[in-house]
Amino acid sequence: MARKQKTQYLGTTKKLPTQREVKRLRSPDGCLFTFNYRAKDAHDPSPFIIMTSPKWIAKNGNTYISGVNLKTMSPRSRTIIIQEFGDLPVGSVSYSDIQAAVKDDPECCIRTYNVRNVRALHKVEA
């Protein structure tokens, strides 16, 4: 995994910005997060993601976050993504931007996480 220089403990996803707040606050925050994920169908219980969207509410009423899990990618691809997009604000990085940066990595895919199953959220500074 990429070297973490500094992490900030956020605890829960309540401190993550919503779509409305992201449009209002365009300060470079960084969009790298690590957390514990406890769901029945979770493939990785402790993902390290670059968040591609702020919190959003689906039609079923549940709140979700979306991101690319960097833990499953190759070290070369991970380093490229962190250097290019790591210090950008949440919601300013799109999946197509990430995919264009690492064209040859088959593990580059978007994942959706239910915020109800997110625990011990940490913001990682690149």
N, C-alpha and C. Protein backbone atom coordinates (compact mmCIF):
# COMPACT_ATOMS: atom_id res chain seq x y z
N MET A 1 0.83 -1.17 0.00
CA MET A 1 0.00 0.00 0.00
C MET A 1 0.88 1.24 0.00
N ALA A 2 0.35 2.31 -0.53
CA ALA A 2 1.11 3.55 -0.61
C ALA A 2 1.42 4.07 0.78
N ARG A 3 2.52 4.78 0.87
CA ARG A 3 2.95 5.31 2.15
C ARG A 3 1.97 6.40 2.61
N LYS A 4 1.46 6.28 3.80
CA LYS A 4 0.54 7.28 4.34
C LYS A 4 1.34 8.29 5.13
N GLN A 5 1.30 9.54 4.73
CA GLN A 5 2.06 10.55 5.44
C GLN A 5 1.32 11.04 6.68
N LYS A 6 0.00 11.23 6.53
CA LYS A 6 -0.76 11.74 7.65
C LYS A 6 -2.21 11.31 7.51
N THR A 7 -2.81 10.86 8.59
CA THR A 7 -4.23 10.50 8.55
C THR A 7 -4.96 11.32 9.60
N GLN A 8 -6.20 11.62 9.29
CA GLN A 8 -7.06 12.34 10.22
C GLN A 8 -8.27 11.47 10.50
N TYR A 9 -8.51 11.18 11.76
CA TYR A 9 -9.62 10.32 12.14
C TYR A 9 -10.92 11.12 12.07
N LEU A 10 -11.85 10.68 11.24
CA LEU A 10 -13.15 11.33 11.13
C LEU A 10 -14.23 10.57 11.90
N GLY A 11 -14.01 9.29 12.12
CA GLY A 11 -14.96 8.49 12.86
C GLY A 11 -16.06 7.93 11.99
N THR A 12 -17.07 8.75 11.69
CA THR A 12 -18.19 8.31 10.88
C THR A 12 -18.29 9.17 9.62
N THR A 13 -19.20 8.78 8.75
CA THR A 13 -19.36 9.49 7.48
C THR A 13 -20.15 10.78 7.65
N LYS A 14 -20.61 11.10 8.83
CA LYS A 14 -21.34 12.36 9.04
C LYS A 14 -20.47 13.57 8.74
N LYS A 15 -19.16 13.43 8.85
CA LYS A 15 -18.26 14.54 8.58
C LYS A 15 -17.87 14.64 7.11
N LEU A 16 -18.32 13.70 6.29
CA LEU A 16 -18.08 13.78 4.85
C LEU A 16 -19.03 14.80 4.24
N PRO A 17 -18.57 15.51 3.21
CA PRO A 17 -19.46 16.51 2.60
C PRO A 17 -20.56 15.86 1.76
N THR A 18 -21.71 16.52 1.71
CA THR A 18 -22.79 16.10 0.82
C THR A 18 -22.59 16.77 -0.53
N GLN A 19 -23.42 16.43 -1.50
CA GLN A 19 -23.28 17.02 -2.83
C GLN A 19 -23.47 18.53 -2.78
N ARG A 20 -24.38 19.02 -1.98
CA ARG A 20 -24.63 20.46 -1.86
C ARG A 20 -23.42 21.16 -1.25
N GLU A 21 -22.81 20.57 -0.23
CA GLU A 21 -21.66 21.18 0.43
C GLU A 21 -20.44 21.20 -0.48
N VAL A 22 -20.28 20.18 -1.31
CA VAL A 22 -19.13 20.13 -2.22
C VAL A 22 -19.20 21.28 -3.22
N LYS A 23 -20.39 21.58 -3.73
CA LYS A 23 -20.54 22.68 -4.68
C LYS A 23 -20.22 24.02 -4.02
N ARG A 24 -20.56 24.15 -2.74
CA ARG A 24 -20.32 25.40 -2.02
C ARG A 24 -18.85 25.53 -1.59
N LEU A 25 -18.26 24.48 -1.10
CA LEU A 25 -16.89 24.48 -0.59
C LEU A 25 -15.96 23.82 -1.59
N ARG A 26 -15.21 24.56 -2.32
CA ARG A 26 -14.29 24.00 -3.31
C ARG A 26 -12.84 24.17 -2.86
N SER A 27 -12.57 23.80 -1.62
CA SER A 27 -11.20 23.88 -1.13
C SER A 27 -10.51 22.53 -1.30
N PRO A 28 -9.21 22.53 -1.63
CA PRO A 28 -8.51 21.25 -1.79
C PRO A 28 -8.40 20.49 -0.48
N ASP A 29 -9.23 19.52 -0.29
CA ASP A 29 -9.26 18.73 0.92
C ASP A 29 -8.52 17.43 0.80
N GLY A 30 -8.58 16.83 -0.36
CA GLY A 30 -8.06 15.50 -0.55
C GLY A 30 -9.21 14.51 -0.56
N CYS A 31 -9.07 13.47 -1.33
CA CYS A 31 -10.18 12.53 -1.47
C CYS A 31 -9.73 11.09 -1.25
N LEU A 32 -8.68 10.90 -0.46
CA LEU A 32 -8.21 9.57 -0.11
C LEU A 32 -8.71 9.20 1.28
N PHE A 33 -9.35 8.03 1.37
CA PHE A 33 -9.92 7.60 2.64
C PHE A 33 -9.65 6.13 2.86
N THR A 34 -9.54 5.78 4.13
CA THR A 34 -9.46 4.38 4.53
C THR A 34 -10.49 4.17 5.65
N PHE A 35 -11.09 3.01 5.70
CA PHE A 35 -12.10 2.73 6.70
C PHE A 35 -12.30 1.23 6.83
N ASN A 36 -13.04 0.85 7.84
CA ASN A 36 -13.44 -0.55 8.01
C ASN A 36 -14.84 -0.68 7.44
N TYR A 37 -15.03 -1.70 6.60
CA TYR A 37 -16.32 -1.89 5.96
C TYR A 37 -16.85 -3.25 6.34
N ARG A 38 -18.00 -3.27 6.97
CA ARG A 38 -18.56 -4.54 7.42
C ARG A 38 -19.93 -4.75 6.76
N ALA A 39 -19.91 -5.45 5.67
CA ALA A 39 -21.13 -5.82 4.96
C ALA A 39 -21.03 -7.29 4.58
N LYS A 40 -22.17 -7.91 4.34
CA LYS A 40 -22.17 -9.34 4.01
C LYS A 40 -21.42 -9.64 2.72
N ASP A 41 -21.55 -8.77 1.74
CA ASP A 41 -20.93 -9.00 0.44
C ASP A 41 -19.63 -8.24 0.24
N ALA A 42 -19.01 -7.77 1.31
CA ALA A 42 -17.77 -6.99 1.21
C ALA A 42 -16.61 -7.89 0.80
N HIS A 43 -15.91 -7.49 -0.24
CA HIS A 43 -14.73 -8.24 -0.69
C HIS A 43 -13.48 -7.81 0.06
N ASP A 44 -13.44 -6.56 0.49
CA ASP A 44 -12.29 -6.02 1.20
C ASP A 44 -12.80 -5.34 2.48
N PRO A 45 -12.51 -5.90 3.66
CA PRO A 45 -13.04 -5.32 4.90
C PRO A 45 -12.37 -4.00 5.32
N SER A 46 -11.23 -3.67 4.73
CA SER A 46 -10.57 -2.40 5.06
C SER A 46 -10.06 -1.72 3.79
N PRO A 47 -10.95 -1.12 3.01
CA PRO A 47 -10.54 -0.51 1.74
C PRO A 47 -9.79 0.81 1.93
N PHE A 48 -8.97 1.13 0.95
CA PHE A 48 -8.26 2.40 0.84
C PHE A 48 -8.72 2.98 -0.49
N ILE A 49 -9.61 3.99 -0.46
CA ILE A 49 -10.25 4.46 -1.68
C ILE A 49 -9.90 5.90 -2.01
N ILE A 50 -10.04 6.21 -3.30
CA ILE A 50 -10.08 7.58 -3.74
C ILE A 50 -11.54 7.84 -4.06
N MET A 51 -12.15 8.76 -3.32
CA MET A 51 -13.59 8.98 -3.41
C MET A 51 -13.92 9.79 -4.66
N THR A 52 -14.81 9.25 -5.49
CA THR A 52 -15.16 9.90 -6.75
C THR A 52 -16.45 10.71 -6.65
N SER A 53 -17.18 10.58 -5.55
CA SER A 53 -18.40 11.38 -5.39
C SER A 53 -18.63 11.64 -3.91
N PRO A 54 -19.29 12.74 -3.59
CA PRO A 54 -19.66 12.94 -2.19
C PRO A 54 -20.78 11.98 -1.80
N LYS A 55 -21.21 12.05 -0.56
CA LYS A 55 -22.32 11.20 -0.13
C LYS A 55 -23.53 11.46 -1.01
N TRP A 56 -24.24 10.38 -1.36
CA TRP A 56 -25.45 10.55 -2.16
C TRP A 56 -26.51 9.59 -1.67
N ILE A 57 -27.76 9.98 -1.88
CA ILE A 57 -28.89 9.18 -1.42
C ILE A 57 -29.54 8.52 -2.62
N ALA A 58 -29.68 7.20 -2.54
CA ALA A 58 -30.29 6.42 -3.62
C ALA A 58 -31.82 6.46 -3.50
N LYS A 59 -32.48 5.93 -4.51
CA LYS A 59 -33.95 5.90 -4.51
C LYS A 59 -34.52 5.07 -3.37
N ASN A 60 -33.73 4.10 -2.88
CA ASN A 60 -34.20 3.27 -1.77
C ASN A 60 -34.05 3.95 -0.41
N GLY A 61 -33.52 5.17 -0.40
CA GLY A 61 -33.38 5.93 0.84
C GLY A 61 -32.06 5.75 1.56
N ASN A 62 -31.22 4.82 1.12
CA ASN A 62 -29.91 4.61 1.74
C ASN A 62 -28.89 5.60 1.22
N THR A 63 -27.92 5.93 2.05
CA THR A 63 -26.85 6.85 1.68
C THR A 63 -25.61 6.04 1.32
N TYR A 64 -24.95 6.46 0.23
CA TYR A 64 -23.78 5.74 -0.29
C TYR A 64 -22.64 6.70 -0.60
N ILE A 65 -21.44 6.14 -0.68
CA ILE A 65 -20.28 6.83 -1.23
C ILE A 65 -19.71 5.93 -2.33
N SER A 66 -19.05 6.54 -3.29
CA SER A 66 -18.46 5.78 -4.39
C SER A 66 -16.99 6.12 -4.49
N GLY A 67 -16.20 5.12 -4.87
CA GLY A 67 -14.78 5.33 -5.01
C GLY A 67 -14.09 4.15 -5.65
N VAL A 68 -12.83 4.35 -5.97
CA VAL A 68 -11.99 3.31 -6.55
C VAL A 68 -11.10 2.78 -5.44
N ASN A 69 -11.15 1.47 -5.20
CA ASN A 69 -10.34 0.84 -4.16
C ASN A 69 -8.91 0.71 -4.66
N LEU A 70 -8.01 1.47 -4.05
CA LEU A 70 -6.61 1.47 -4.46
C LEU A 70 -5.85 0.25 -3.94
N LYS A 71 -6.38 -0.39 -2.94
CA LYS A 71 -5.71 -1.53 -2.32
C LYS A 71 -5.58 -2.72 -3.27
N THR A 72 -6.55 -2.87 -4.17
CA THR A 72 -6.53 -4.01 -5.08
C THR A 72 -5.74 -3.74 -6.35
N MET A 73 -5.29 -2.53 -6.55
CA MET A 73 -4.58 -2.16 -7.77
C MET A 73 -3.08 -2.41 -7.63
N SER A 74 -2.38 -2.36 -8.75
CA SER A 74 -0.94 -2.54 -8.74
C SER A 74 -0.27 -1.33 -8.08
N PRO A 75 0.90 -1.50 -7.47
CA PRO A 75 1.58 -0.37 -6.82
C PRO A 75 1.87 0.79 -7.77
N ARG A 76 2.19 0.48 -9.01
CA ARG A 76 2.47 1.52 -10.01
C ARG A 76 1.23 2.37 -10.27
N SER A 77 0.10 1.72 -10.48
CA SER A 77 -1.16 2.42 -10.73
C SER A 77 -1.58 3.24 -9.52
N ARG A 78 -1.42 2.66 -8.35
CA ARG A 78 -1.77 3.34 -7.11
C ARG A 78 -0.97 4.62 -6.94
N THR A 79 0.32 4.55 -7.21
CA THR A 79 1.18 5.72 -7.09
C THR A 79 0.78 6.81 -8.08
N ILE A 80 0.48 6.43 -9.30
CA ILE A 80 0.06 7.41 -10.32
C ILE A 80 -1.21 8.12 -9.88
N ILE A 81 -2.18 7.38 -9.40
CA ILE A 81 -3.46 7.96 -8.98
C ILE A 81 -3.27 8.90 -7.79
N ILE A 82 -2.49 8.49 -6.81
CA ILE A 82 -2.29 9.33 -5.63
C ILE A 82 -1.57 10.62 -5.99
N GLN A 83 -0.56 10.53 -6.85
CA GLN A 83 0.18 11.73 -7.24
C GLN A 83 -0.67 12.70 -8.05
N GLU A 84 -1.50 12.18 -8.94
CA GLU A 84 -2.30 13.05 -9.81
C GLU A 84 -3.56 13.59 -9.14
N PHE A 85 -4.25 12.76 -8.36
CA PHE A 85 -5.57 13.13 -7.86
C PHE A 85 -5.70 13.18 -6.35
N GLY A 86 -4.69 12.79 -5.61
CA GLY A 86 -4.81 12.64 -4.16
C GLY A 86 -5.15 13.88 -3.38
N ASP A 87 -4.73 15.06 -3.84
CA ASP A 87 -5.00 16.27 -3.07
C ASP A 87 -6.18 17.08 -3.60
N LEU A 88 -6.92 16.54 -4.56
CA LEU A 88 -8.09 17.22 -5.08
C LEU A 88 -9.27 17.04 -4.14
N PRO A 89 -10.24 17.96 -4.15
CA PRO A 89 -11.39 17.82 -3.25
C PRO A 89 -12.29 16.65 -3.60
N VAL A 90 -13.04 16.20 -2.63
CA VAL A 90 -14.01 15.11 -2.84
C VAL A 90 -15.01 15.55 -3.90
N GLY A 91 -15.26 14.68 -4.86
CA GLY A 91 -16.23 14.97 -5.90
C GLY A 91 -15.67 15.61 -7.15
N SER A 92 -14.39 15.98 -7.13
CA SER A 92 -13.81 16.62 -8.31
C SER A 92 -13.08 15.63 -9.21
N VAL A 93 -12.91 14.41 -8.75
CA VAL A 93 -12.25 13.37 -9.53
C VAL A 93 -13.31 12.43 -10.07
N SER A 94 -13.30 12.20 -11.36
CA SER A 94 -14.27 11.28 -11.94
C SER A 94 -13.61 9.93 -12.21
N TYR A 95 -14.43 8.92 -12.33
CA TYR A 95 -13.92 7.59 -12.63
C TYR A 95 -13.23 7.56 -13.99
N SER A 96 -13.74 8.30 -14.95
CA SER A 96 -13.12 8.31 -16.27
C SER A 96 -11.73 8.95 -16.23
N ASP A 97 -11.50 9.94 -15.36
CA ASP A 97 -10.17 10.52 -15.19
C ASP A 97 -9.19 9.49 -14.64
N ILE A 98 -9.64 8.75 -13.64
CA ILE A 98 -8.79 7.72 -13.02
C ILE A 98 -8.49 6.61 -14.02
N GLN A 99 -9.51 6.19 -14.74
CA GLN A 99 -9.34 5.12 -15.72
C GLN A 99 -8.39 5.53 -16.84
N ALA A 100 -8.44 6.79 -17.25
CA ALA A 100 -7.54 7.28 -18.30
C ALA A 100 -6.09 7.33 -17.80
N ALA A 101 -5.89 7.59 -16.52
CA ALA A 101 -4.54 7.66 -15.96
C ALA A 101 -3.88 6.29 -15.88
N VAL A 102 -4.66 5.25 -15.63
CA VAL A 102 -4.13 3.89 -15.49
C VAL A 102 -4.89 2.96 -16.43
N LYS A 103 -4.63 3.06 -17.68
CA LYS A 103 -5.36 2.32 -18.72
C LYS A 103 -5.16 0.81 -18.63
N ASP A 104 -3.99 0.39 -18.20
CA ASP A 104 -3.66 -1.03 -18.28
C ASP A 104 -4.00 -1.83 -17.02
N ASP A 105 -4.58 -1.21 -16.01
CA ASP A 105 -4.87 -1.93 -14.77
C ASP A 105 -6.29 -2.48 -14.78
N PRO A 106 -6.45 -3.81 -14.82
CA PRO A 106 -7.80 -4.39 -14.86
C PRO A 106 -8.57 -4.26 -13.54
N GLU A 107 -7.87 -3.95 -12.45
CA GLU A 107 -8.51 -3.82 -11.14
C GLU A 107 -9.13 -2.45 -10.91
N CYS A 108 -8.98 -1.55 -11.87
CA CYS A 108 -9.53 -0.20 -11.74
C CYS A 108 -11.03 -0.25 -12.00
N CYS A 109 -11.82 -0.24 -10.93
CA CYS A 109 -13.28 -0.25 -11.07
C CYS A 109 -13.90 0.54 -9.93
N ILE A 110 -15.05 1.08 -10.22
CA ILE A 110 -15.76 1.89 -9.22
C ILE A 110 -16.50 0.96 -8.26
N ARG A 111 -16.48 1.32 -7.00
CA ARG A 111 -17.20 0.54 -5.99
C ARG A 111 -18.10 1.48 -5.20
N THR A 112 -19.22 0.95 -4.77
CA THR A 112 -20.19 1.72 -3.99
C THR A 112 -20.27 1.14 -2.59
N TYR A 113 -20.20 2.01 -1.59
CA TYR A 113 -20.21 1.58 -0.19
C TYR A 113 -21.39 2.22 0.54
N ASN A 114 -22.16 1.41 1.24
CA ASN A 114 -23.26 1.90 2.05
C ASN A 114 -22.66 2.52 3.31
N VAL A 115 -22.98 3.79 3.60
CA VAL A 115 -22.35 4.47 4.73
C VAL A 115 -22.77 3.86 6.07
N ARG A 116 -23.86 3.13 6.10
CA ARG A 116 -24.29 2.46 7.32
C ARG A 116 -23.27 1.40 7.76
N ASN A 117 -22.51 0.86 6.82
CA ASN A 117 -21.54 -0.19 7.11
C ASN A 117 -20.10 0.33 7.24
N VAL A 118 -19.91 1.63 7.16
CA VAL A 118 -18.57 2.23 7.24
C VAL A 118 -18.26 2.54 8.71
N ARG A 119 -17.09 2.10 9.17
CA ARG A 119 -16.64 2.37 10.54
C ARG A 119 -15.20 2.84 10.51
N ALA A 120 -14.83 3.62 11.50
CA ALA A 120 -13.45 4.10 11.69
C ALA A 120 -12.91 4.76 10.42
N LEU A 121 -13.61 5.75 9.94
CA LEU A 121 -13.23 6.48 8.74
C LEU A 121 -12.01 7.36 9.02
N HIS A 122 -10.99 7.24 8.16
CA HIS A 122 -9.78 8.07 8.25
C HIS A 122 -9.57 8.76 6.90
N LYS A 123 -9.24 10.04 6.97
CA LYS A 123 -8.87 10.79 5.77
C LYS A 123 -7.36 10.75 5.67
N VAL A 124 -6.85 10.37 4.48
CA VAL A 124 -5.42 10.22 4.27
C VAL A 124 -4.92 11.36 3.40
N GLU A 125 -3.88 12.03 3.85
CA GLU A 125 -3.29 13.10 3.05
C GLU A 125 -2.18 12.52 2.19
N ALA A 126 -2.20 12.90 0.92
CA ALA A 126 -1.21 12.37 -0.04
C ALA A 126 0.16 12.97 0.19
